[in-house]
Amino acid sequence: MDRTTIMLPVALKLKALEYARKKKVSLGELIRSSLATLLRSSSLSPKRDPLFSDTSVYRGSAPMDSSQNHDRYLYGEKE
């Protein structure tokens, strides 16, 4: 391993230390595992990302006001 020094806001460090104590790991291990998880999840290619791999995407035309009136289009008019 390579030693690295980082600067953390005091409040963040205190929260991290508390979390590490609860999990019974060192602060270093918490930071390493958190960073590894973040990098693993952010390395999804668009082909593997669930948002982009959705095959049920609507391909037809859509009303220009669909963002404002989505409830009306999804659930119909209120009576």
PDB file of N, CA and C in Angstrom:
ATOM      1  N   MET A   1       0.832  -1.182   0.000  1.00  0.00           N
ATOM      2  CA  MET A   1       0.000   0.000   0.000  1.00  0.00           C
ATOM      3  C   MET A   1       0.872   1.238   0.000  1.00  0.00           C
ATOM      4  N   ASP A   2       0.278   2.305  -0.476  1.00  0.00           N
ATOM      5  CA  ASP A   2       0.963   3.585  -0.547  1.00  0.00           C
ATOM      6  C   ASP A   2       0.293   4.525   0.460  1.00  0.00           C
ATOM      7  N   ARG A   3       1.061   5.194   1.290  1.00  0.00           N
ATOM      8  CA  ARG A   3       0.516   6.115   2.285  1.00  0.00           C
ATOM      9  C   ARG A   3       0.081   7.402   1.605  1.00  0.00           C
ATOM     10  N   THR A   4      -1.126   7.859   1.933  1.00  0.00           N
ATOM     11  CA  THR A   4      -1.689   9.077   1.356  1.00  0.00           C
ATOM     12  C   THR A   4      -2.290   9.921   2.461  1.00  0.00           C
ATOM     13  N   THR A   5      -2.081  11.207   2.397  1.00  0.00           N
ATOM     14  CA  THR A   5      -2.662  12.128   3.372  1.00  0.00           C
ATOM     15  C   THR A   5      -3.808  12.868   2.695  1.00  0.00           C
ATOM     16  N   ILE A   6      -4.953  12.919   3.373  1.00  0.00           N
ATOM     17  CA  ILE A   6      -6.090  13.656   2.832  1.00  0.00           C
ATOM     18  C   ILE A   6      -6.591  14.643   3.879  1.00  0.00           C
ATOM     19  N   MET A   7      -7.229  15.695   3.413  1.00  0.00           N
ATOM     20  CA  MET A   7      -7.825  16.702   4.293  1.00  0.00           C
ATOM     21  C   MET A   7      -9.330  16.451   4.334  1.00  0.00           C
ATOM     22  N   LEU A   8      -9.891  16.339   5.526  1.00  0.00           N
ATOM     23  CA  LEU A   8     -11.324  16.129   5.690  1.00  0.00           C
ATOM     24  C   LEU A   8     -11.912  17.230   6.559  1.00  0.00           C
ATOM     25  N   PRO A   9     -13.114  17.679   6.241  1.00  0.00           N
ATOM     26  CA  PRO A   9     -13.785  18.583   7.165  1.00  0.00           C
ATOM     27  C   PRO A   9     -13.980  17.855   8.500  1.00  0.00           C
ATOM     28  N   VAL A  10     -13.899  18.585   9.597  1.00  0.00           N
ATOM     29  CA  VAL A  10     -13.976  17.979  10.932  1.00  0.00           C
ATOM     30  C   VAL A  10     -15.253  17.165  11.099  1.00  0.00           C
ATOM     31  N   ALA A  11     -16.388  17.724  10.692  1.00  0.00           N
ATOM     32  CA  ALA A  11     -17.664  17.024  10.858  1.00  0.00           C
ATOM     33  C   ALA A  11     -17.684  15.705  10.088  1.00  0.00           C
ATOM     34  N   LEU A  12     -17.134  15.693   8.875  1.00  0.00           N
ATOM     35  CA  LEU A  12     -17.080  14.470   8.075  1.00  0.00           C
ATOM     36  C   LEU A  12     -16.191  13.425   8.734  1.00  0.00           C
ATOM     37  N   LYS A  13     -15.049  13.856   9.246  1.00  0.00           N
ATOM     38  CA  LYS A  13     -14.140  12.917   9.902  1.00  0.00           C
ATOM     39  C   LYS A  13     -14.786  12.308  11.140  1.00  0.00           C
ATOM     40  N   LEU A  14     -15.493  13.118  11.916  1.00  0.00           N
ATOM     41  CA  LEU A  14     -16.153  12.602  13.116  1.00  0.00           C
ATOM     42  C   LEU A  14     -17.232  11.585  12.761  1.00  0.00           C
ATOM     43  N   LYS A  15     -18.011  11.883  11.725  1.00  0.00           N
ATOM     44  CA  LYS A  15     -19.041  10.933  11.285  1.00  0.00           C
ATOM     45  C   LYS A  15     -18.402   9.643  10.792  1.00  0.00           C
ATOM     46  N   ALA A  16     -17.308   9.774  10.041  1.00  0.00           N
ATOM     47  CA  ALA A  16     -16.619   8.596   9.518  1.00  0.00           C
ATOM     48  C   ALA A  16     -16.033   7.751  10.646  1.00  0.00           C
ATOM     49  N   LEU A  17     -15.434   8.412  11.631  1.00  0.00           N
ATOM     50  CA  LEU A  17     -14.881   7.674  12.778  1.00  0.00           C
ATOM     51  C   LEU A  17     -15.976   6.936  13.538  1.00  0.00           C
ATOM     52  N   GLU A  18     -17.103   7.589  13.730  1.00  0.00           N
ATOM     53  CA  GLU A  18     -18.226   6.956  14.433  1.00  0.00           C
ATOM     54  C   GLU A  18     -18.732   5.747  13.649  1.00  0.00           C
ATOM     55  N   TYR A  19     -18.850   5.909  12.343  1.00  0.00           N
ATOM     56  CA  TYR A  19     -19.311   4.810  11.498  1.00  0.00           C
ATOM     57  C   TYR A  19     -18.318   3.650  11.519  1.00  0.00           C
ATOM     58  N   ALA A  20     -17.044   3.972  11.435  1.00  0.00           N
ATOM     59  CA  ALA A  20     -16.007   2.933  11.460  1.00  0.00           C
ATOM     60  C   ALA A  20     -16.034   2.165  12.780  1.00  0.00           C
ATOM     61  N   ARG A  21     -16.215   2.891  13.889  1.00  0.00           N
ATOM     62  CA  ARG A  21     -16.305   2.211  15.196  1.00  0.00           C
ATOM     63  C   ARG A  21     -17.486   1.249  15.233  1.00  0.00           C
ATOM     64  N   LYS A  22     -18.634   1.699  14.710  1.00  0.00           N
ATOM     65  CA  LYS A  22     -19.825   0.834  14.693  1.00  0.00           C
ATOM     66  C   LYS A  22     -19.584  -0.424  13.865  1.00  0.00           C
ATOM     67  N   LYS A  23     -18.854  -0.266  12.769  1.00  0.00           N
ATOM     68  CA  LYS A  23     -18.566  -1.404  11.887  1.00  0.00           C
ATOM     69  C   LYS A  23     -17.339  -2.196  12.327  1.00  0.00           C
ATOM     70  N   LYS A  24     -16.664  -1.686  13.352  1.00  0.00           N
ATOM     71  CA  LYS A  24     -15.463  -2.337  13.898  1.00  0.00           C
ATOM     72  C   LYS A  24     -14.355  -2.465  12.855  1.00  0.00           C
ATOM     73  N   VAL A  25     -14.136  -1.359  12.124  1.00  0.00           N
ATOM     74  CA  VAL A  25     -13.041  -1.288  11.165  1.00  0.00           C
ATOM     75  C   VAL A  25     -12.288   0.008  11.422  1.00  0.00           C
ATOM     76  N   SER A  26     -11.094   0.091  10.903  1.00  0.00           N
ATOM     77  CA  SER A  26     -10.319   1.319  11.047  1.00  0.00           C
ATOM     78  C   SER A  26     -10.851   2.381  10.086  1.00  0.00           C
ATOM     79  N   LEU A  27     -10.489   3.617  10.367  1.00  0.00           N
ATOM     80  CA  LEU A  27     -10.878   4.703   9.466  1.00  0.00           C
ATOM     81  C   LEU A  27     -10.277   4.465   8.081  1.00  0.00           C
ATOM     82  N   GLY A  28      -9.040   4.014   8.032  1.00  0.00           N
ATOM     83  CA  GLY A  28      -8.391   3.720   6.753  1.00  0.00           C
ATOM     84  C   GLY A  28      -9.139   2.661   5.958  1.00  0.00           C
ATOM     85  N   GLU A  29      -9.565   1.592   6.635  1.00  0.00           N
ATOM     86  CA  GLU A  29     -10.308   0.526   5.952  1.00  0.00           C
ATOM     87  C   GLU A  29     -11.650   1.045   5.449  1.00  0.00           C
ATOM     88  N   LEU A  30     -12.313   1.865   6.239  1.00  0.00           N
ATOM     89  CA  LEU A  30     -13.585   2.452   5.814  1.00  0.00           C
ATOM     90  C   LEU A  30     -13.393   3.291   4.554  1.00  0.00           C
ATOM     91  N   ILE A  31     -12.366   4.120   4.551  1.00  0.00           N
ATOM     92  CA  ILE A  31     -12.101   4.976   3.389  1.00  0.00           C
ATOM     93  C   ILE A  31     -11.738   4.132   2.176  1.00  0.00           C
ATOM     94  N   ARG A  32     -10.878   3.118   2.352  1.00  0.00           N
ATOM     95  CA  ARG A  32     -10.489   2.261   1.223  1.00  0.00           C
ATOM     96  C   ARG A  32     -11.693   1.532   0.642  1.00  0.00           C
ATOM     97  N   SER A  33     -12.513   0.926   1.497  1.00  0.00           N
ATOM     98  CA  SER A  33     -13.663   0.161   0.989  1.00  0.00           C
ATOM     99  C   SER A  33     -14.704   1.084   0.367  1.00  0.00           C
ATOM    100  N   SER A  34     -14.899   2.268   0.944  1.00  0.00           N
ATOM    101  CA  SER A  34     -15.863   3.217   0.376  1.00  0.00           C
ATOM    102  C   SER A  34     -15.399   3.700  -0.993  1.00  0.00           C
ATOM    103  N   LEU A  35     -14.135   3.997  -1.111  1.00  0.00           N
ATOM    104  CA  LEU A  35     -13.583   4.455  -2.380  1.00  0.00           C
ATOM    105  C   LEU A  35     -13.663   3.342  -3.430  1.00  0.00           C
ATOM    106  N   ALA A  36     -13.346   2.125  -3.041  1.00  0.00           N
ATOM    107  CA  ALA A  36     -13.421   0.991  -3.977  1.00  0.00           C
ATOM    108  C   ALA A  36     -14.858   0.783  -4.451  1.00  0.00           C
ATOM    109  N   THR A  37     -15.821   0.886  -3.547  1.00  0.00           N
ATOM    110  CA  THR A  37     -17.231   0.730  -3.913  1.00  0.00           C
ATOM    111  C   THR A  37     -17.665   1.831  -4.869  1.00  0.00           C
ATOM    112  N   LEU A  38     -17.293   3.057  -4.566  1.00  0.00           N
ATOM    113  CA  LEU A  38     -17.640   4.186  -5.425  1.00  0.00           C
ATOM    114  C   LEU A  38     -17.063   4.003  -6.827  1.00  0.00           C
ATOM    115  N   LEU A  39     -15.804   3.643  -6.905  1.00  0.00           N
ATOM    116  CA  LEU A  39     -15.159   3.497  -8.213  1.00  0.00           C
ATOM    117  C   LEU A  39     -15.722   2.320  -8.999  1.00  0.00           C
ATOM    118  N   ARG A  40     -16.081   1.258  -8.302  1.00  0.00           N
ATOM    119  CA  ARG A  40     -16.676   0.097  -8.968  1.00  0.00           C
ATOM    120  C   ARG A  40     -18.044   0.468  -9.550  1.00  0.00           C
ATOM    121  N   SER A  41     -18.859   1.157  -8.772  1.00  0.00           N
ATOM    122  CA  SER A  41     -20.210   1.483  -9.229  1.00  0.00           C
ATOM    123  C   SER A  41     -20.207   2.560 -10.300  1.00  0.00           C
ATOM    124  N   SER A  42     -19.238   3.457 -10.280  1.00  0.00           N
ATOM    125  CA  SER A  42     -19.214   4.524 -11.273  1.00  0.00           C
ATOM    126  C   SER A  42     -18.570   4.085 -12.579  1.00  0.00           C
ATOM    127  N   SER A  43     -18.039   2.872 -12.611  1.00  0.00           N
ATOM    128  CA  SER A  43     -17.373   2.418 -13.834  1.00  0.00           C
ATOM    129  C   SER A  43     -18.312   1.619 -14.730  1.00  0.00           C
ATOM    130  N   LEU A  44     -19.615   1.708 -14.471  1.00  0.00           N
ATOM    131  CA  LEU A  44     -20.562   1.014 -15.332  1.00  0.00           C
ATOM    132  C   LEU A  44     -20.541   1.644 -16.724  1.00  0.00           C
ATOM    133  N   SER A  45     -20.426   0.816 -17.709  1.00  0.00           N
ATOM    134  CA  SER A  45     -20.514   1.336 -19.069  1.00  0.00           C
ATOM    135  C   SER A  45     -21.990   1.574 -19.372  1.00  0.00           C
ATOM    136  N   PRO A  46     -22.297   2.442 -20.326  1.00  0.00           N
ATOM    137  CA  PRO A  46     -23.701   2.663 -20.667  1.00  0.00           C
ATOM    138  C   PRO A  46     -24.437   1.380 -21.023  1.00  0.00           C
ATOM    139  N   LYS A  47     -23.746   0.409 -21.584  1.00  0.00           N
ATOM    140  CA  LYS A  47     -24.391  -0.856 -21.934  1.00  0.00           C
ATOM    141  C   LYS A  47     -24.802  -1.648 -20.692  1.00  0.00           C
ATOM    142  N   ARG A  48     -24.080  -1.493 -19.573  1.00  0.00           N
ATOM    143  CA  ARG A  48     -24.387  -2.224 -18.344  1.00  0.00           C
ATOM    144  C   ARG A  48     -25.219  -1.389 -17.378  1.00  0.00           C
ATOM    145  N   ASP A  49     -25.327  -0.093 -17.613  1.00  0.00           N
ATOM    146  CA  ASP A  49     -26.080   0.780 -16.727  1.00  0.00           C
ATOM    147  C   ASP A  49     -27.577   0.528 -16.917  1.00  0.00           C
ATOM    148  N   PRO A  50     -28.303   0.214 -15.847  1.00  0.00           N
ATOM    149  CA  PRO A  50     -29.734  -0.083 -15.975  1.00  0.00           C
ATOM    150  C   PRO A  50     -30.530   1.031 -16.657  1.00  0.00           C
ATOM    151  N   LEU A  51     -30.150   2.279 -16.445  1.00  0.00           N
ATOM    152  CA  LEU A  51     -30.867   3.377 -17.081  1.00  0.00           C
ATOM    153  C   LEU A  51     -30.784   3.293 -18.601  1.00  0.00           C
ATOM    154  N   PHE A  52     -29.601   2.964 -19.101  1.00  0.00           N
ATOM    155  CA  PHE A  52     -29.403   2.938 -20.540  1.00  0.00           C
ATOM    156  C   PHE A  52     -29.705   1.586 -21.175  1.00  0.00           C
ATOM    157  N   SER A  53     -29.813   0.541 -20.381  1.00  0.00           N
ATOM    158  CA  SER A  53     -30.071  -0.776 -20.951  1.00  0.00           C
ATOM    159  C   SER A  53     -31.551  -1.132 -20.934  1.00  0.00           C
ATOM    160  N   ASP A  54     -32.402  -0.199 -20.535  1.00  0.00           N
ATOM    161  CA  ASP A  54     -33.844  -0.420 -20.504  1.00  0.00           C
ATOM    162  C   ASP A  54     -34.355  -0.637 -21.923  1.00  0.00           C
ATOM    163  N   THR A  55     -35.005  -1.768 -22.153  1.00  0.00           N
ATOM    164  CA  THR A  55     -35.524  -2.059 -23.488  1.00  0.00           C
ATOM    165  C   THR A  55     -36.971  -1.627 -23.653  1.00  0.00           C
ATOM    166  N   SER A  56     -37.572  -1.112 -22.596  1.00  0.00           N
ATOM    167  CA  SER A  56     -38.973  -0.701 -22.641  1.00  0.00           C
ATOM    168  C   SER A  56     -39.116   0.805 -22.800  1.00  0.00           C
ATOM    169  N   VAL A  57     -38.203   1.423 -23.482  1.00  0.00           N
ATOM    170  CA  VAL A  57     -38.229   2.866 -23.667  1.00  0.00           C
ATOM    171  C   VAL A  57     -39.315   3.222 -24.665  1.00  0.00           C
ATOM    172  N   TYR A  58     -40.079   4.247 -24.341  1.00  0.00           N
ATOM    173  CA  TYR A  58     -41.123   4.731 -25.240  1.00  0.00           C
ATOM    174  C   TYR A  58     -40.475   5.449 -26.412  1.00  0.00           C
ATOM    175  N   ARG A  59     -40.827   5.066 -27.613  1.00  0.00           N
ATOM    176  CA  ARG A  59     -40.188   5.634 -28.792  1.00  0.00           C
ATOM    177  C   ARG A  59     -41.144   6.500 -29.624  1.00  0.00           C
ATOM    178  N   GLY A  60     -42.377   6.656 -29.198  1.00  0.00           N
ATOM    179  CA  GLY A  60     -43.339   7.448 -29.959  1.00  0.00           C
ATOM    180  C   GLY A  60     -43.216   8.926 -29.656  1.00  0.00           C
ATOM    181  N   SER A  61     -44.136   9.709 -30.225  1.00  0.00           N
ATOM    182  CA  SER A  61     -44.124  11.136 -29.947  1.00  0.00           C
ATOM    183  C   SER A  61     -44.730  11.382 -28.568  1.00  0.00           C
ATOM    184  N   ALA A  62     -44.382  12.482 -27.971  1.00  0.00           N
ATOM    185  CA  ALA A  62     -44.870  12.819 -26.635  1.00  0.00           C
ATOM    186  C   ALA A  62     -45.342  14.270 -26.627  1.00  0.00           C
ATOM    187  N   PRO A  63     -46.366  14.575 -25.826  1.00  0.00           N
ATOM    188  CA  PRO A  63     -46.841  15.951 -25.733  1.00  0.00           C
ATOM    189  C   PRO A  63     -45.740  16.866 -25.195  1.00  0.00           C
ATOM    190  N   MET A  64     -45.736  18.101 -25.637  1.00  0.00           N
ATOM    191  CA  MET A  64     -44.719  19.057 -25.204  1.00  0.00           C
ATOM    192  C   MET A  64     -44.838  19.389 -23.718  1.00  0.00           C
ATOM    193  N   ASP A  65     -46.021  19.218 -23.117  1.00  0.00           N
ATOM    194  CA  ASP A  65     -46.216  19.573 -21.712  1.00  0.00           C
ATOM    195  C   ASP A  65     -46.217  18.338 -20.803  1.00  0.00           C
ATOM    196  N   SER A  66     -45.607  17.254 -21.252  1.00  0.00           N
ATOM    197  CA  SER A  66     -45.653  16.011 -20.469  1.00  0.00           C
ATOM    198  C   SER A  66     -44.975  16.131 -19.108  1.00  0.00           C
ATOM    199  N   SER A  67     -43.954  16.970 -18.986  1.00  0.00           N
ATOM    200  CA  SER A  67     -43.307  17.110 -17.676  1.00  0.00           C
ATOM    201  C   SER A  67     -44.215  17.847 -16.691  1.00  0.00           C
ATOM    202  N   GLN A  68     -45.017  18.765 -17.179  1.00  0.00           N
ATOM    203  CA  GLN A  68     -45.914  19.511 -16.290  1.00  0.00           C
ATOM    204  C   GLN A  68     -47.186  18.742 -15.993  1.00  0.00           C
ATOM    205  N   ASN A  69     -47.666  17.966 -16.943  1.00  0.00           N
ATOM    206  CA  ASN A  69     -48.960  17.291 -16.793  1.00  0.00           C
ATOM    207  C   ASN A  69     -48.832  15.773 -16.794  1.00  0.00           C
ATOM    208  N   HIS A  70     -47.713  15.256 -16.287  1.00  0.00           N
ATOM    209  CA  HIS A  70     -47.480  13.815 -16.337  1.00  0.00           C
ATOM    210  C   HIS A  70     -48.551  13.018 -15.603  1.00  0.00           C
ATOM    211  N   ASP A  71     -49.071  13.525 -14.477  1.00  0.00           N
ATOM    212  CA  ASP A  71     -50.127  12.788 -13.765  1.00  0.00           C
ATOM    213  C   ASP A  71     -51.358  12.607 -14.652  1.00  0.00           C
ATOM    214  N   ARG A  72     -51.723  13.653 -15.368  1.00  0.00           N
ATOM    215  CA  ARG A  72     -52.891  13.582 -16.252  1.00  0.00           C
ATOM    216  C   ARG A  72     -52.654  12.526 -17.327  1.00  0.00           C
ATOM    217  N   TYR A  73     -51.446  12.498 -17.906  1.00  0.00           N
ATOM    218  CA  TYR A  73     -51.161  11.535 -18.964  1.00  0.00           C
ATOM    219  C   TYR A  73     -51.031  10.105 -18.424  1.00  0.00           C
ATOM    220  N   LEU A  74     -50.507   9.976 -17.224  1.00  0.00           N
ATOM    221  CA  LEU A  74     -50.328   8.635 -16.650  1.00  0.00           C
ATOM    222  C   LEU A  74     -51.604   8.070 -16.045  1.00  0.00           C
ATOM    223  N   TYR A  75     -52.371   8.926 -15.344  1.00  0.00           N
ATOM    224  CA  TYR A  75     -53.499   8.430 -14.568  1.00  0.00           C
ATOM    225  C   TYR A  75     -54.855   8.923 -15.042  1.00  0.00           C
ATOM    226  N   GLY A  76     -54.874   9.797 -16.030  1.00  0.00           N
ATOM    227  CA  GLY A  76     -56.140  10.298 -16.552  1.00  0.00           C
ATOM    228  C   GLY A  76     -56.604  11.528 -15.799  1.00  0.00           C
ATOM    229  N   GLU A  77     -57.672  12.121 -16.300  1.00  0.00           N
ATOM    230  CA  GLU A  77     -58.237  13.321 -15.676  1.00  0.00           C
ATOM    231  C   GLU A  77     -58.845  12.984 -14.328  1.00  0.00           C
ATOM    232  N   LYS A  78     -58.730  13.934 -13.376  1.00  0.00           N
ATOM    233  CA  LYS A  78     -59.401  13.776 -12.090  1.00  0.00           C
ATOM    234  C   LYS A  78     -60.867  14.112 -12.281  1.00  0.00           C
ATOM    235  N   GLU A  79     -61.715  13.348 -11.624  1.00  0.00           N
ATOM    236  CA  GLU A  79     -63.150  13.610 -11.756  1.00  0.00           C
ATOM    237  C   GLU A  79     -63.656  14.495 -10.667  1.00  0.00           C
TER     238      GLU A  79
END
